[in-house]
PDB file of all heavy atoms in Angstrom:
ATOM      1  N   ILE A   1      -1.060  -0.979   8.230  1.00  0.00           N
ATOM      2  CA  ILE A   1       0.033  -1.895   7.822  1.00  0.00           C
ATOM      3  C   ILE A   1       0.892  -2.127   9.006  1.00  0.00           C
ATOM      4  O   ILE A   1       1.334  -1.184   9.687  1.00  0.00           O
ATOM      5  CB  ILE A   1       0.789  -1.318   6.646  1.00  0.00           C
ATOM      6  CG1 ILE A   1      -0.111  -1.134   5.420  1.00  0.00           C
ATOM      7  CG2 ILE A   1       1.991  -2.252   6.265  1.00  0.00           C
ATOM      8  CD1 ILE A   1       0.556  -0.408   4.267  1.00  0.00           C
ATOM      9  N   LEU A   2       1.195  -3.392   9.305  1.00  0.00           N
ATOM     10  CA  LEU A   2       2.006  -3.699  10.486  1.00  0.00           C
ATOM     11  C   LEU A   2       3.398  -4.161  10.071  1.00  0.00           C
ATOM     12  O   LEU A   2       3.612  -4.760   9.045  1.00  0.00           O
ATOM     13  CB  LEU A   2       1.311  -4.852  11.264  1.00  0.00           C
ATOM     14  CG  LEU A   2      -0.100  -4.590  11.768  1.00  0.00           C
ATOM     15  CD1 LEU A   2      -0.636  -5.811  12.525  1.00  0.00           C
ATOM     16  CD2 LEU A   2      -0.166  -3.355  12.626  1.00  0.00           C
ATOM     17  N   LYS A   3       4.333  -3.798  10.947  1.00  0.00           N
ATOM     18  CA  LYS A   3       5.718  -4.265  10.766  1.00  0.00           C
ATOM     19  C   LYS A   3       5.814  -5.726  11.252  1.00  0.00           C
ATOM     20  O   LYS A   3       4.899  -6.260  11.883  1.00  0.00           O
ATOM     21  CB  LYS A   3       6.675  -3.442  11.610  1.00  0.00           C
ATOM     22  CG  LYS A   3       6.709  -1.962  11.273  1.00  0.00           C
ATOM     23  CD  LYS A   3       7.662  -1.242  12.213  1.00  0.00           C
ATOM     24  CE  LYS A   3       7.704   0.234  11.905  1.00  0.00           C
ATOM     25  NZ  LYS A   3       8.630   0.971  12.848  1.00  0.00           N
ATOM     26  N   GLY A   4       6.963  -6.348  10.967  1.00  0.00           N
ATOM     27  CA  GLY A   4       7.145  -7.730  11.393  1.00  0.00           C
ATOM     28  C   GLY A   4       7.138  -7.890  12.913  1.00  0.00           C
ATOM     29  O   GLY A   4       6.816  -8.954  13.410  1.00  0.00           O
ATOM     30  N   ASN A   5       7.472  -6.815  13.621  1.00  0.00           N
ATOM     31  CA  ASN A   5       7.479  -6.873  15.102  1.00  0.00           C
ATOM     32  C   ASN A   5       6.111  -6.579  15.684  1.00  0.00           C
ATOM     33  O   ASN A   5       5.956  -6.506  16.932  1.00  0.00           O
ATOM     34  CB  ASN A   5       8.523  -5.915  15.668  1.00  0.00           C
ATOM     35  CG  ASN A   5       8.275  -4.456  15.261  1.00  0.00           C
ATOM     36  OD1 ASN A   5       7.196  -4.096  14.746  1.00  0.00           O
ATOM     37  ND2 ASN A   5       9.265  -3.617  15.454  1.00  0.00           N
ATOM     38  N   GLY A   6       5.116  -6.375  14.831  1.00  0.00           N
ATOM     39  CA  GLY A   6       3.749  -6.148  15.318  1.00  0.00           C
ATOM     40  C   GLY A   6       3.349  -4.711  15.434  1.00  0.00           C
ATOM     41  O   GLY A   6       2.154  -4.382  15.603  1.00  0.00           O
ATOM     42  N   TYR A   7       4.318  -3.801  15.395  1.00  0.00           N
ATOM     43  CA  TYR A   7       3.990  -2.390  15.491  1.00  0.00           C
ATOM     44  C   TYR A   7       3.489  -1.836  14.154  1.00  0.00           C
ATOM     45  O   TYR A   7       3.858  -2.345  13.099  1.00  0.00           O
ATOM     46  CB  TYR A   7       5.217  -1.562  15.950  1.00  0.00           C
ATOM     47  CG  TYR A   7       5.601  -1.786  17.378  1.00  0.00           C
ATOM     48  CD1 TYR A   7       6.594  -2.692  17.727  1.00  0.00           C
ATOM     49  CD2 TYR A   7       4.935  -1.126  18.395  1.00  0.00           C
ATOM     50  CE1 TYR A   7       6.948  -2.868  19.074  1.00  0.00           C
ATOM     51  CE2 TYR A   7       5.288  -1.308  19.751  1.00  0.00           C
ATOM     52  CZ  TYR A   7       6.288  -2.176  20.073  1.00  0.00           C
ATOM     53  OH  TYR A   7       6.623  -2.404  21.380  1.00  0.00           O
ATOM     54  N   LYS A   8       2.690  -0.795  14.209  1.00  0.00           N
ATOM     55  CA  LYS A   8       2.141  -0.213  12.989  1.00  0.00           C
ATOM     56  C   LYS A   8       3.195   0.575  12.223  1.00  0.00           C
ATOM     57  O   LYS A   8       3.968   1.311  12.849  1.00  0.00           O
ATOM     58  CB  LYS A   8       0.970   0.674  13.351  1.00  0.00           C
ATOM     59  CG  LYS A   8       0.237   1.267  12.156  1.00  0.00           C
ATOM     60  CD  LYS A   8      -0.939   2.074  12.598  1.00  0.00           C
ATOM     61  CE  LYS A   8      -0.598   3.320  13.320  1.00  0.00           C
ATOM     62  NZ  LYS A   8      -1.749   4.198  13.620  1.00  0.00           N
ATOM     63  N   VAL A   9       3.188   0.471  10.928  1.00  0.00           N
ATOM     64  CA  VAL A   9       4.023   1.316  10.100  1.00  0.00           C
ATOM     65  C   VAL A   9       3.511   2.751  10.239  1.00  0.00           C
ATOM     66  O   VAL A   9       2.299   3.003  10.125  1.00  0.00           O
ATOM     67  CB  VAL A   9       3.981   0.864   8.609  1.00  0.00           C
ATOM     68  CG1 VAL A   9       4.726   1.901   7.737  1.00  0.00           C
ATOM     69  CG2 VAL A   9       4.567  -0.504   8.439  1.00  0.00           C
ATOM     70  N   ARG A  10       4.365   3.669  10.519  1.00  0.00           N
ATOM     71  CA  ARG A  10       3.961   5.052  10.866  1.00  0.00           C
ATOM     72  C   ARG A  10       3.116   5.646   9.712  1.00  0.00           C
ATOM     73  O   ARG A  10       3.473   5.629   8.555  1.00  0.00           O
ATOM     74  CB  ARG A  10       5.196   5.878  11.087  1.00  0.00           C
ATOM     75  CG  ARG A  10       4.893   7.304  11.499  1.00  0.00           C
ATOM     76  CD  ARG A  10       6.164   8.091  11.780  1.00  0.00           C
ATOM     77  NE  ARG A  10       5.861   9.464  12.169  1.00  0.00           N
ATOM     78  CZ  ARG A  10       6.779  10.388  12.465  1.00  0.00           C
ATOM     79  NH1 ARG A  10       8.050  10.021  12.431  1.00  0.00           N
ATOM     80  NH2 ARG A  10       6.412  11.595  12.801  1.00  0.00           N
ATOM     81  N   GLY A  11       1.999   6.193  10.102  1.00  0.00           N
ATOM     82  CA  GLY A  11       1.143   6.887   9.180  1.00  0.00           C
ATOM     83  C   GLY A  11       0.287   6.000   8.263  1.00  0.00           C
ATOM     84  O   GLY A  11      -0.328   6.468   7.310  1.00  0.00           O
ATOM     85  N   SER A  12       0.251   4.702   8.569  1.00  0.00           N
ATOM     86  CA  SER A  12      -0.450   3.770   7.694  1.00  0.00           C
ATOM     87  C   SER A  12      -1.908   3.486   8.044  1.00  0.00           C
ATOM     88  O   SER A  12      -2.568   2.651   7.360  1.00  0.00           O
ATOM     89  CB  SER A  12       0.323   2.453   7.616  1.00  0.00           C
ATOM     90  OG  SER A  12       0.240   1.757   8.843  1.00  0.00           O
ATOM     91  N   SER A  13      -2.444   4.134   9.005  1.00  0.00           N
ATOM     92  CA  SER A  13      -3.853   3.910   9.327  1.00  0.00           C
ATOM     93  C   SER A  13      -4.745   4.288   8.140  1.00  0.00           C
ATOM     94  O   SER A  13      -4.600   5.360   7.585  1.00  0.00           O
ATOM     95  CB  SER A  13      -4.289   4.763  10.554  1.00  0.00           C
ATOM     96  OG  SER A  13      -3.566   4.330  11.719  1.00  0.00           O
ATOM     97  N   GLY A  14      -5.625   3.399   7.746  1.00  0.00           N
ATOM     98  CA  GLY A  14      -6.488   3.656   6.560  1.00  0.00           C
ATOM     99  C   GLY A  14      -5.813   3.358   5.254  1.00  0.00           C
ATOM    100  O   GLY A  14      -6.275   3.766   4.193  1.00  0.00           O
ATOM    101  N   ALA A  15      -4.677   2.635   5.302  1.00  0.00           N
ATOM    102  CA  ALA A  15      -3.889   2.363   4.112  1.00  0.00           C
ATOM    103  C   ALA A  15      -4.479   1.225   3.281  1.00  0.00           C
ATOM    104  O   ALA A  15      -5.099   0.293   3.766  1.00  0.00           O
ATOM    105  CB  ALA A  15      -2.464   2.029   4.482  1.00  0.00           C
ATOM    106  N   VAL A  16      -4.240   1.335   1.962  1.00  0.00           N
ATOM    107  CA  VAL A  16      -4.490   0.215   1.025  1.00  0.00           C
ATOM    108  C   VAL A  16      -3.203  -0.025   0.241  1.00  0.00           C
ATOM    109  O   VAL A  16      -2.806   0.852  -0.540  1.00  0.00           O
ATOM    110  CB  VAL A  16      -5.637   0.549   0.057  1.00  0.00           C
ATOM    111  CG1 VAL A  16      -5.829  -0.577  -0.949  1.00  0.00           C
ATOM    112  CG2 VAL A  16      -6.924   0.868   0.816  1.00  0.00           C
ATOM    113  N   PRO A  17      -2.530  -1.126   0.418  1.00  0.00           N
ATOM    114  CA  PRO A  17      -1.301  -1.390  -0.271  1.00  0.00           C
ATOM    115  C   PRO A  17      -1.479  -1.482  -1.786  1.00  0.00           C
ATOM    116  O   PRO A  17      -2.507  -1.999  -2.262  1.00  0.00           O
ATOM    117  CB  PRO A  17      -0.822  -2.728   0.230  1.00  0.00           C
ATOM    118  CG  PRO A  17      -1.555  -2.899   1.565  1.00  0.00           C
ATOM    119  CD  PRO A  17      -2.861  -2.256   1.341  1.00  0.00           C
ATOM    120  N   LEU A  18      -0.538  -0.972  -2.550  1.00  0.00           N
ATOM    121  CA  LEU A  18      -0.614  -1.012  -4.003  1.00  0.00           C
ATOM    122  C   LEU A  18       0.784  -1.025  -4.584  1.00  0.00           C
ATOM    123  O   LEU A  18       1.215  -0.064  -5.238  1.00  0.00           O
ATOM    124  CB  LEU A  18      -1.412   0.212  -4.523  1.00  0.00           C
ATOM    125  CG  LEU A  18      -1.896   0.173  -5.967  1.00  0.00           C
ATOM    126  CD1 LEU A  18      -2.824  -1.066  -6.179  1.00  0.00           C
ATOM    127  CD2 LEU A  18      -2.637   1.380  -6.336  1.00  0.00           C
ATOM    128  N   ASN A  19       1.458  -2.161  -4.400  1.00  0.00           N
ATOM    129  CA  ASN A  19       2.850  -2.200  -4.865  1.00  0.00           C
ATOM    130  C   ASN A  19       2.992  -2.356  -6.371  1.00  0.00           C
ATOM    131  O   ASN A  19       4.089  -2.141  -6.915  1.00  0.00           O
ATOM    132  CB  ASN A  19       3.531  -3.384  -4.164  1.00  0.00           C
ATOM    133  CG  ASN A  19       3.878  -3.102  -2.725  1.00  0.00           C
ATOM    134  OD1 ASN A  19       3.534  -2.006  -2.230  1.00  0.00           O
ATOM    135  ND2 ASN A  19       4.594  -3.992  -2.085  1.00  0.00           N
ATOM    136  N   ALA A  20       1.952  -2.711  -7.085  1.00  0.00           N
ATOM    137  CA  ALA A  20       2.059  -2.938  -8.511  1.00  0.00           C
ATOM    138  C   ALA A  20       1.784  -1.726  -9.356  1.00  0.00           C
ATOM    139  O   ALA A  20       1.968  -1.768 -10.573  1.00  0.00           O
ATOM    140  CB  ALA A  20       1.128  -4.104  -8.907  1.00  0.00           C
ATOM    141  N   VAL A  21       1.326  -0.634  -8.771  1.00  0.00           N
ATOM    142  CA  VAL A  21       0.822   0.478  -9.579  1.00  0.00           C
ATOM    143  C   VAL A  21       1.867   1.126 -10.423  1.00  0.00           C
ATOM    144  O   VAL A  21       1.595   1.616 -11.524  1.00  0.00           O
ATOM    145  CB  VAL A  21       0.119   1.544  -8.693  1.00  0.00           C
ATOM    146  CG1 VAL A  21       1.133   2.305  -7.843  1.00  0.00           C
ATOM    147  CG2 VAL A  21      -0.759   2.438  -9.513  1.00  0.00           C
ATOM    148  N   ILE A  22       3.121   1.142 -10.004  1.00  0.00           N
ATOM    149  CA  ILE A  22       4.173   1.756 -10.797  1.00  0.00           C
ATOM    150  C   ILE A  22       4.488   0.924 -12.053  1.00  0.00           C
ATOM    151  O   ILE A  22       4.706   1.425 -13.126  1.00  0.00           O
ATOM    152  CB  ILE A  22       5.452   1.961  -9.944  1.00  0.00           C
ATOM    153  CG1 ILE A  22       5.142   2.852  -8.781  1.00  0.00           C
ATOM    154  CG2 ILE A  22       6.579   2.538 -10.812  1.00  0.00           C
ATOM    155  CD1 ILE A  22       4.653   4.266  -9.132  1.00  0.00           C
ATOM    156  N   ALA A  23       4.481  -0.401 -11.845  1.00  0.00           N
ATOM    157  CA  ALA A  23       4.806  -1.291 -12.962  1.00  0.00           C
ATOM    158  C   ALA A  23       3.628  -1.402 -13.961  1.00  0.00           C
ATOM    159  O   ALA A  23       3.837  -1.682 -15.112  1.00  0.00           O
ATOM    160  CB  ALA A  23       5.153  -2.676 -12.409  1.00  0.00           C
ATOM    161  N   PHE A  24       2.407  -1.193 -13.487  1.00  0.00           N
ATOM    162  CA  PHE A  24       1.268  -1.351 -14.367  1.00  0.00           C
ATOM    163  C   PHE A  24       0.417  -0.093 -14.333  1.00  0.00           C
ATOM    164  O   PHE A  24      -0.590  -0.036 -13.609  1.00  0.00           O
ATOM    165  CB  PHE A  24       0.443  -2.587 -13.912  1.00  0.00           C
ATOM    166  CG  PHE A  24       1.244  -3.847 -13.887  1.00  0.00           C
ATOM    167  CD1 PHE A  24       1.717  -4.292 -12.691  1.00  0.00           C
ATOM    168  CD2 PHE A  24       1.502  -4.557 -15.050  1.00  0.00           C
ATOM    169  CE1 PHE A  24       2.478  -5.479 -12.626  1.00  0.00           C
ATOM    170  CE2 PHE A  24       2.230  -5.700 -15.016  1.00  0.00           C
ATOM    171  CZ  PHE A  24       2.723  -6.179 -13.788  1.00  0.00           C
ATOM    172  N   PRO A  25       0.753   0.937 -15.114  1.00  0.00           N
ATOM    173  CA  PRO A  25       0.037   2.262 -15.087  1.00  0.00           C
ATOM    174  C   PRO A  25      -1.445   2.058 -15.362  1.00  0.00           C
ATOM    175  O   PRO A  25      -2.226   2.877 -14.872  1.00  0.00           O
ATOM    176  CB  PRO A  25       0.715   3.001 -16.221  1.00  0.00           C
ATOM    177  CG  PRO A  25       2.084   2.396 -16.315  1.00  0.00           C
ATOM    178  CD  PRO A  25       1.890   0.938 -16.050  1.00  0.00           C
ATOM    179  N   ARG A  26      -1.885   1.077 -16.153  1.00  0.00           N
ATOM    180  CA  ARG A  26      -3.312   0.921 -16.435  1.00  0.00           C
ATOM    181  C   ARG A  26      -4.124   0.666 -15.151  1.00  0.00           C
ATOM    182  O   ARG A  26      -5.287   0.963 -15.072  1.00  0.00           O
ATOM    183  CB  ARG A  26      -3.517  -0.247 -17.391  1.00  0.00           C
ATOM    184  CG  ARG A  26      -3.013   0.035 -18.838  1.00  0.00           C
ATOM    185  CD  ARG A  26      -3.279  -1.109 -19.737  1.00  0.00           C
ATOM    186  NE  ARG A  26      -4.671  -1.419 -19.886  1.00  0.00           N
ATOM    187  CZ  ARG A  26      -5.163  -2.509 -20.469  1.00  0.00           C
ATOM    188  NH1 ARG A  26      -4.291  -3.366 -21.047  1.00  0.00           N
ATOM    189  NH2 ARG A  26      -6.443  -2.722 -20.514  1.00  0.00           N
ATOM    190  N   LEU A  27      -3.438   0.081 -14.181  1.00  0.00           N
ATOM    191  CA  LEU A  27      -4.116  -0.146 -12.904  1.00  0.00           C
ATOM    192  C   LEU A  27      -4.580   1.126 -12.283  1.00  0.00           C
ATOM    193  O   LEU A  27      -5.601   1.156 -11.545  1.00  0.00           O
ATOM    194  CB  LEU A  27      -3.186  -0.902 -11.973  1.00  0.00           C
ATOM    195  CG  LEU A  27      -3.784  -1.618 -10.735  1.00  0.00           C
ATOM    196  CD1 LEU A  27      -4.793  -2.638 -11.197  1.00  0.00           C
ATOM    197  CD2 LEU A  27      -2.679  -2.270  -9.942  1.00  0.00           C
ATOM    198  N   ALA A  28      -3.857   2.211 -12.518  1.00  0.00           N
ATOM    199  CA  ALA A  28      -4.181   3.509 -11.908  1.00  0.00           C
ATOM    200  C   ALA A  28      -5.582   3.945 -12.394  1.00  0.00           C
ATOM    201  O   ALA A  28      -6.395   4.473 -11.592  1.00  0.00           O
ATOM    202  CB  ALA A  28      -3.128   4.531 -12.278  1.00  0.00           C
ATOM    203  N   GLU A  29      -5.823   3.758 -13.648  1.00  0.00           N
ATOM    204  CA  GLU A  29      -7.175   4.143 -14.219  1.00  0.00           C
ATOM    205  C   GLU A  29      -8.244   3.217 -13.677  1.00  0.00           C
ATOM    206  O   GLU A  29      -9.343   3.688 -13.381  1.00  0.00           O
ATOM    207  CB  GLU A  29      -7.133   4.052 -15.727  1.00  0.00           C
ATOM    208  CG  GLU A  29      -8.397   4.457 -16.398  1.00  0.00           C
ATOM    209  CD  GLU A  29      -8.792   5.918 -16.130  1.00  0.00           C
ATOM    210  OE1 GLU A  29      -7.890   6.727 -15.887  1.00  0.00           O
ATOM    211  OE2 GLU A  29      -9.989   6.216 -16.197  1.00  0.00           O
ATOM    212  N   MET A  30      -7.950   1.935 -13.477  1.00  0.00           N
ATOM    213  CA  MET A  30      -8.911   1.005 -12.938  1.00  0.00           C
ATOM    214  C   MET A  30      -9.350   1.395 -11.523  1.00  0.00           C
ATOM    215  O   MET A  30     -10.479   1.169 -11.112  1.00  0.00           O
ATOM    216  CB  MET A  30      -8.362  -0.409 -12.951  1.00  0.00           C
ATOM    217  CG  MET A  30      -8.105  -0.997 -14.355  1.00  0.00           C
ATOM    218  SD  MET A  30      -7.115  -2.503 -14.294  1.00  0.00           S
ATOM    219  CE  MET A  30      -8.174  -3.518 -13.241  1.00  0.00           C
ATOM    220  N   LEU A  31      -8.354   1.966 -10.768  1.00  0.00           N
ATOM    221  CA  LEU A  31      -8.625   2.301  -9.383  1.00  0.00           C
ATOM    222  C   LEU A  31      -9.075   3.728  -9.186  1.00  0.00           C
ATOM    223  O   LEU A  31      -9.128   4.229  -8.064  1.00  0.00           O
ATOM    224  CB  LEU A  31      -7.382   2.034  -8.561  1.00  0.00           C
ATOM    225  CG  LEU A  31      -7.011   0.557  -8.416  1.00  0.00           C
ATOM    226  CD1 LEU A  31      -5.611   0.406  -7.810  1.00  0.00           C
ATOM    227  CD2 LEU A  31      -7.997  -0.217  -7.571  1.00  0.00           C
TER     228      LEU A  31
END
């Protein structure tokens, strides 16, 4: 995951964003 300035967000190598998982618990089971 990259910051707006182009640098990598610390520790994000191999990341998969999942911003909706808290709002939609059923998604957790799907994944």
